[in-house]
Amino acid sequence: AEVSEAVVSTQSTGDDTLVKKKLHEDEVLNAAWLCLAFSMMSLVSGVVVTRFAHLIPYVLFFKAIFIGFNYSTGFKFKHNCLGEFVVYLTFGPSIATFVYSCLSKGEFSWLVLLASSPLGICAASVLFAANVRSAGHDLKCGVRTVANQIGLQNSLNLYTLLIFMPYVQVTGFAILYQHLELALIWALAPVTFYFATYPHRSSVTDGISALFDRTIINFHLFASYYLCLLYYVT
């Protein structure tokens, strides 16, 4: 979905894969179709192996297909300040609920939905960091994102909120379900604090340029540690 806009961009704030010609647009499109084929195979495998007959997995699966085709084209969620919300839903509650529903043959769990929310917000923070970095370019291209609508200072404040909110959610989750071991997630807080305050401690240009890369590191650290904690308490 990014090919139509990124391939004609020469801005350093764009997608490096296309802007810096690491891959040709045809290769990206072929990879996208390959991913779609693998996802369809996974759905068929789920039907055959787990034999789920409920609608939840099917609804979530085709919702993801719909979002994928309408992220940058069609309804253009990304272009209308909905990118972060869509990423939150997709990489948080939707994926977790889909996997759980497949494995449990169609059951739904509010516990799974709640536990996946921190991961969704952490994933949304990655996209938000990218949008902060490319706010000026997006505005010139007519792309409306939260970052270029609220300004740089408000964006940095919202970014800080986004990367700390998962910690608060995990703490609430630990207290609510009496899994206090999950509070160990705060061991990562100093690293997150360092990343969150970097734009304020450096020049604006350097800070914003590094924001995206640092957010990806934060996401991988948080997701890996959080999933390990979940595995331990369950």
Protein backbone atom coordinates (compact mmCIF):
# COMPACT_ATOMS: atom_id res chain seq x y z
CA ALA A 1 0.00 0.00 0.00
CA GLU A 2 2.97 2.33 0.55
CA VAL A 3 4.33 1.86 -2.98
CA SER A 4 2.05 4.40 -4.66
CA GLU A 5 3.36 7.28 -2.54
CA ALA A 6 6.83 6.20 -1.42
CA VAL A 7 8.15 5.30 -4.84
CA VAL A 8 7.85 8.88 -6.04
CA SER A 9 9.33 10.36 -2.86
CA THR A 10 12.92 11.53 -2.65
CA GLN A 11 12.66 12.65 0.96
CA SER A 12 14.94 11.06 3.53
CA THR A 13 11.94 10.86 5.82
CA GLY A 14 10.24 8.30 3.61
CA ASP A 15 10.37 4.50 3.68
CA ASP A 16 14.05 3.58 3.20
CA THR A 17 13.12 0.37 1.40
CA LEU A 18 11.71 2.30 -1.54
CA VAL A 19 13.16 5.79 -1.26
CA LYS A 20 16.74 4.50 -1.11
CA LYS A 21 15.95 1.82 -3.70
CA LYS A 22 16.87 -1.08 -1.44
CA LEU A 23 14.05 -2.90 -3.21
CA HIS A 24 12.26 -2.13 -6.46
CA GLU A 25 8.55 -1.40 -6.24
CA ASP A 26 7.72 -4.63 -8.11
CA GLU A 27 9.68 -6.62 -5.52
CA VAL A 28 7.76 -4.95 -2.70
CA LEU A 29 4.43 -5.70 -4.38
CA ASN A 30 5.44 -9.32 -4.97
CA ALA A 31 6.39 -9.62 -1.31
CA ALA A 32 3.00 -8.20 -0.34
CA TRP A 33 1.15 -10.75 -2.48
CA LEU A 34 3.35 -13.50 -1.04
CA CYS A 35 2.43 -12.41 2.50
CA LEU A 36 -1.25 -12.45 1.52
CA ALA A 37 -0.88 -15.96 0.12
CA PHE A 38 0.80 -17.19 3.31
CA SER A 39 -1.93 -15.58 5.42
CA MET A 40 -4.63 -17.35 3.40
CA MET A 41 -2.74 -20.61 3.86
CA SER A 42 -2.66 -20.00 7.61
CA LEU A 43 -6.41 -19.48 7.66
CA VAL A 44 -7.00 -22.70 5.72
CA SER A 45 -4.61 -24.54 8.02
CA GLY A 46 -6.50 -23.19 11.02
CA VAL A 47 -9.77 -24.47 9.61
CA VAL A 48 -8.34 -27.92 8.89
CA VAL A 49 -6.26 -28.40 12.04
CA THR A 50 -8.33 -26.75 14.77
CA ARG A 51 -11.69 -27.12 13.00
CA PHE A 52 -13.06 -23.92 14.45
CA ALA A 53 -16.58 -23.19 13.33
CA HIS A 54 -17.16 -19.83 15.01
CA LEU A 55 -17.09 -16.51 13.21
CA ILE A 56 -14.52 -14.66 15.33
CA PRO A 57 -11.36 -15.87 13.52
CA TYR A 58 -12.90 -15.25 10.10
CA VAL A 59 -14.13 -11.76 11.01
CA LEU A 60 -10.72 -10.76 12.42
CA PHE A 61 -8.85 -12.24 9.47
CA PHE A 62 -10.85 -10.48 6.77
CA LYS A 63 -10.88 -7.29 8.83
CA ALA A 64 -7.09 -7.36 8.66
CA ILE A 65 -7.23 -7.85 4.87
CA PHE A 66 -9.64 -4.90 4.58
CA ILE A 67 -7.39 -2.66 6.68
CA GLY A 68 -4.32 -3.69 4.70
CA PHE A 69 -5.87 -2.65 1.41
CA ASN A 70 -7.32 0.57 2.82
CA TYR A 71 -4.41 1.81 4.91
CA SER A 72 -2.86 4.06 2.27
CA THR A 73 -5.39 3.58 -0.54
CA GLY A 74 -9.18 3.29 -0.64
CA PHE A 75 -10.40 4.73 2.65
CA LYS A 76 -6.82 5.91 3.35
CA PHE A 77 -6.81 5.43 7.11
CA LYS A 78 -3.20 6.63 7.29
CA HIS A 79 -4.08 9.88 5.51
CA ASN A 80 -6.90 10.75 7.90
CA CYS A 81 -5.25 10.62 11.33
CA LEU A 82 -6.30 6.99 11.87
CA GLY A 83 -2.96 5.27 11.26
CA GLU A 84 -1.98 4.84 14.90
CA PHE A 85 -5.44 3.62 15.90
CA VAL A 86 -5.46 1.04 13.10
CA VAL A 87 -1.97 -0.18 14.05
CA TYR A 88 -3.04 -0.44 17.70
CA LEU A 89 -6.06 -2.58 16.81
CA THR A 90 -4.16 -4.76 14.35
CA PHE A 91 -0.94 -5.45 16.24
CA GLY A 92 -2.57 -5.58 19.66
CA PRO A 93 -6.09 -6.89 20.30
CA SER A 94 -6.78 -8.26 16.80
CA ILE A 95 -3.73 -10.51 16.44
CA ALA A 96 -3.91 -11.80 20.02
CA THR A 97 -7.65 -12.45 19.81
CA PHE A 98 -7.29 -14.16 16.43
CA VAL A 99 -4.57 -16.54 17.66
CA TYR A 100 -6.42 -17.30 20.89
CA SER A 101 -9.69 -17.85 19.04
CA CYS A 102 -8.04 -20.23 16.58
CA LEU A 103 -6.37 -22.26 19.33
CA SER A 104 -9.51 -22.35 21.48
CA LYS A 105 -11.78 -23.15 18.50
CA GLY A 106 -13.66 -19.89 18.39
CA GLU A 107 -13.72 -18.74 22.02
CA PHE A 108 -13.31 -15.11 23.03
CA SER A 109 -11.44 -13.86 26.10
CA TRP A 110 -11.49 -10.37 27.60
CA LEU A 111 -8.32 -11.37 29.45
CA VAL A 112 -6.47 -11.86 26.16
CA LEU A 113 -7.86 -8.57 24.86
CA LEU A 114 -6.65 -6.70 27.93
CA ALA A 115 -3.23 -8.36 27.99
CA SER A 116 -2.59 -7.51 24.33
CA SER A 117 -3.40 -3.81 24.65
CA PRO A 118 0.09 -2.74 25.85
CA LEU A 119 1.65 -4.38 22.79
CA GLY A 120 -0.80 -2.56 20.53
CA ILE A 121 0.03 0.81 22.05
CA CYS A 122 3.76 0.06 21.83
CA ALA A 123 3.35 -0.77 18.13
CA ALA A 124 1.33 2.41 17.58
CA SER A 125 4.15 4.43 19.14
CA VAL A 126 6.48 3.19 16.37
CA LEU A 127 4.18 4.54 13.67
CA PHE A 128 3.66 7.76 15.59
CA ALA A 129 7.44 8.26 15.82
CA ALA A 130 7.69 7.77 12.06
CA ASN A 131 4.91 10.32 11.54
CA VAL A 132 6.65 12.83 13.82
CA ARG A 133 9.83 12.40 11.78
CA SER A 134 8.02 12.94 8.47
CA ALA A 135 5.41 15.47 9.68
CA GLY A 136 6.55 18.28 7.38
CA HIS A 137 6.78 16.07 4.31
CA ASP A 138 3.40 14.47 4.99
CA LEU A 139 1.76 17.87 5.31
CA LYS A 140 3.15 18.97 1.94
CA CYS A 141 1.79 15.78 0.36
CA GLY A 142 -1.67 16.30 1.84
CA VAL A 143 -1.35 13.44 4.33
CA ARG A 144 -3.14 14.30 7.58
CA THR A 145 -1.54 12.58 10.57
CA VAL A 146 -1.94 13.23 14.26
CA ALA A 147 1.68 14.44 14.39
CA ASN A 148 1.34 17.15 11.76
CA GLN A 149 -2.02 18.29 13.09
CA ILE A 150 -1.02 18.92 16.71
CA GLY A 151 2.50 20.33 16.22
CA LEU A 152 5.97 19.22 17.30
CA GLN A 153 5.84 19.95 21.03
CA ASN A 154 2.43 18.33 21.51
CA SER A 155 3.64 15.39 19.41
CA LEU A 156 6.65 14.85 21.67
CA ASN A 157 4.40 14.99 24.73
CA LEU A 158 1.98 12.50 23.19
CA TYR A 159 4.89 10.28 22.18
CA THR A 160 6.10 10.19 25.78
CA LEU A 161 2.59 9.25 26.91
CA LEU A 162 2.36 6.48 24.30
CA ILE A 163 5.57 4.75 25.31
CA PHE A 164 4.85 4.94 29.04
CA MET A 165 1.16 4.01 28.87
CA PRO A 166 1.93 0.28 28.35
CA TYR A 167 3.77 0.24 31.70
CA VAL A 168 0.71 1.66 33.44
CA GLN A 169 -1.54 -0.86 31.69
CA VAL A 170 0.65 -3.82 32.63
CA THR A 171 0.71 -2.63 36.25
CA GLY A 172 -3.08 -2.37 36.29
CA PHE A 173 -3.30 -5.80 34.68
CA ALA A 174 -0.97 -7.24 37.34
CA ILE A 175 -3.02 -5.80 40.20
CA LEU A 176 -6.40 -6.69 38.70
CA TYR A 177 -5.54 -10.33 38.05
CA GLN A 178 -3.12 -10.72 40.97
CA HIS A 179 -0.08 -11.48 38.84
CA LEU A 180 2.25 -9.07 40.61
CA GLU A 181 5.26 -10.57 38.84
CA LEU A 182 4.20 -8.55 35.79
CA ALA A 183 5.21 -5.40 37.66
CA LEU A 184 8.80 -6.42 36.84
CA ILE A 185 8.13 -4.74 33.50
CA TRP A 186 9.22 -1.51 35.21
CA ALA A 187 12.80 -2.79 35.05
CA LEU A 188 12.76 -1.54 31.45
CA ALA A 189 11.47 1.90 32.40
CA PRO A 190 14.92 3.58 32.58
CA VAL A 191 15.64 2.53 28.98
CA THR A 192 12.27 3.83 27.83
CA PHE A 193 12.80 7.06 29.77
CA TYR A 194 16.14 7.56 28.02
CA PHE A 195 14.55 7.11 24.59
CA ALA A 196 11.59 9.33 25.46
CA THR A 197 13.71 12.23 26.64
CA TYR A 198 16.35 12.04 23.90
CA PRO A 199 14.62 14.55 21.57
CA HIS A 200 14.51 17.05 24.44
CA ARG A 201 18.19 16.58 25.30
CA SER A 202 19.60 16.90 21.78
CA SER A 203 19.15 19.21 18.83
CA VAL A 204 15.68 19.05 17.35
CA THR A 205 16.92 17.68 14.03
CA ASP A 206 19.07 14.93 15.53
CA GLY A 207 16.47 14.04 18.13
CA ILE A 208 13.61 13.66 15.68
CA SER A 209 15.75 11.75 13.17
CA ALA A 210 16.73 9.20 15.81
CA LEU A 211 13.25 8.96 17.31
CA PHE A 212 11.96 6.26 14.95
CA ASP A 213 14.98 3.95 15.32
CA ARG A 214 14.97 4.30 19.09
CA THR A 215 11.25 3.57 19.24
CA ILE A 216 11.73 0.34 17.30
CA ILE A 217 14.39 -0.73 19.81
CA ASN A 218 12.04 0.16 22.65
CA PHE A 219 9.23 -1.85 21.03
CA HIS A 220 11.36 -4.99 20.65
CA LEU A 221 12.70 -4.77 24.19
CA PHE A 222 9.27 -4.18 25.70
CA ALA A 223 7.50 -6.85 23.62
CA SER A 224 10.14 -9.51 24.29
CA TYR A 225 10.30 -8.87 28.03
CA TYR A 226 6.52 -8.56 28.40
CA LEU A 227 5.85 -11.80 26.52
CA CYS A 228 8.42 -13.59 28.67
CA LEU A 229 6.67 -12.31 31.80
CA LEU A 230 3.28 -13.42 30.46
CA TYR A 231 4.68 -16.87 29.73
CA TYR A 232 6.10 -17.04 33.25
CA VAL A 233 2.88 -16.10 35.05
CA THR A 234 0.73 -18.40 32.95
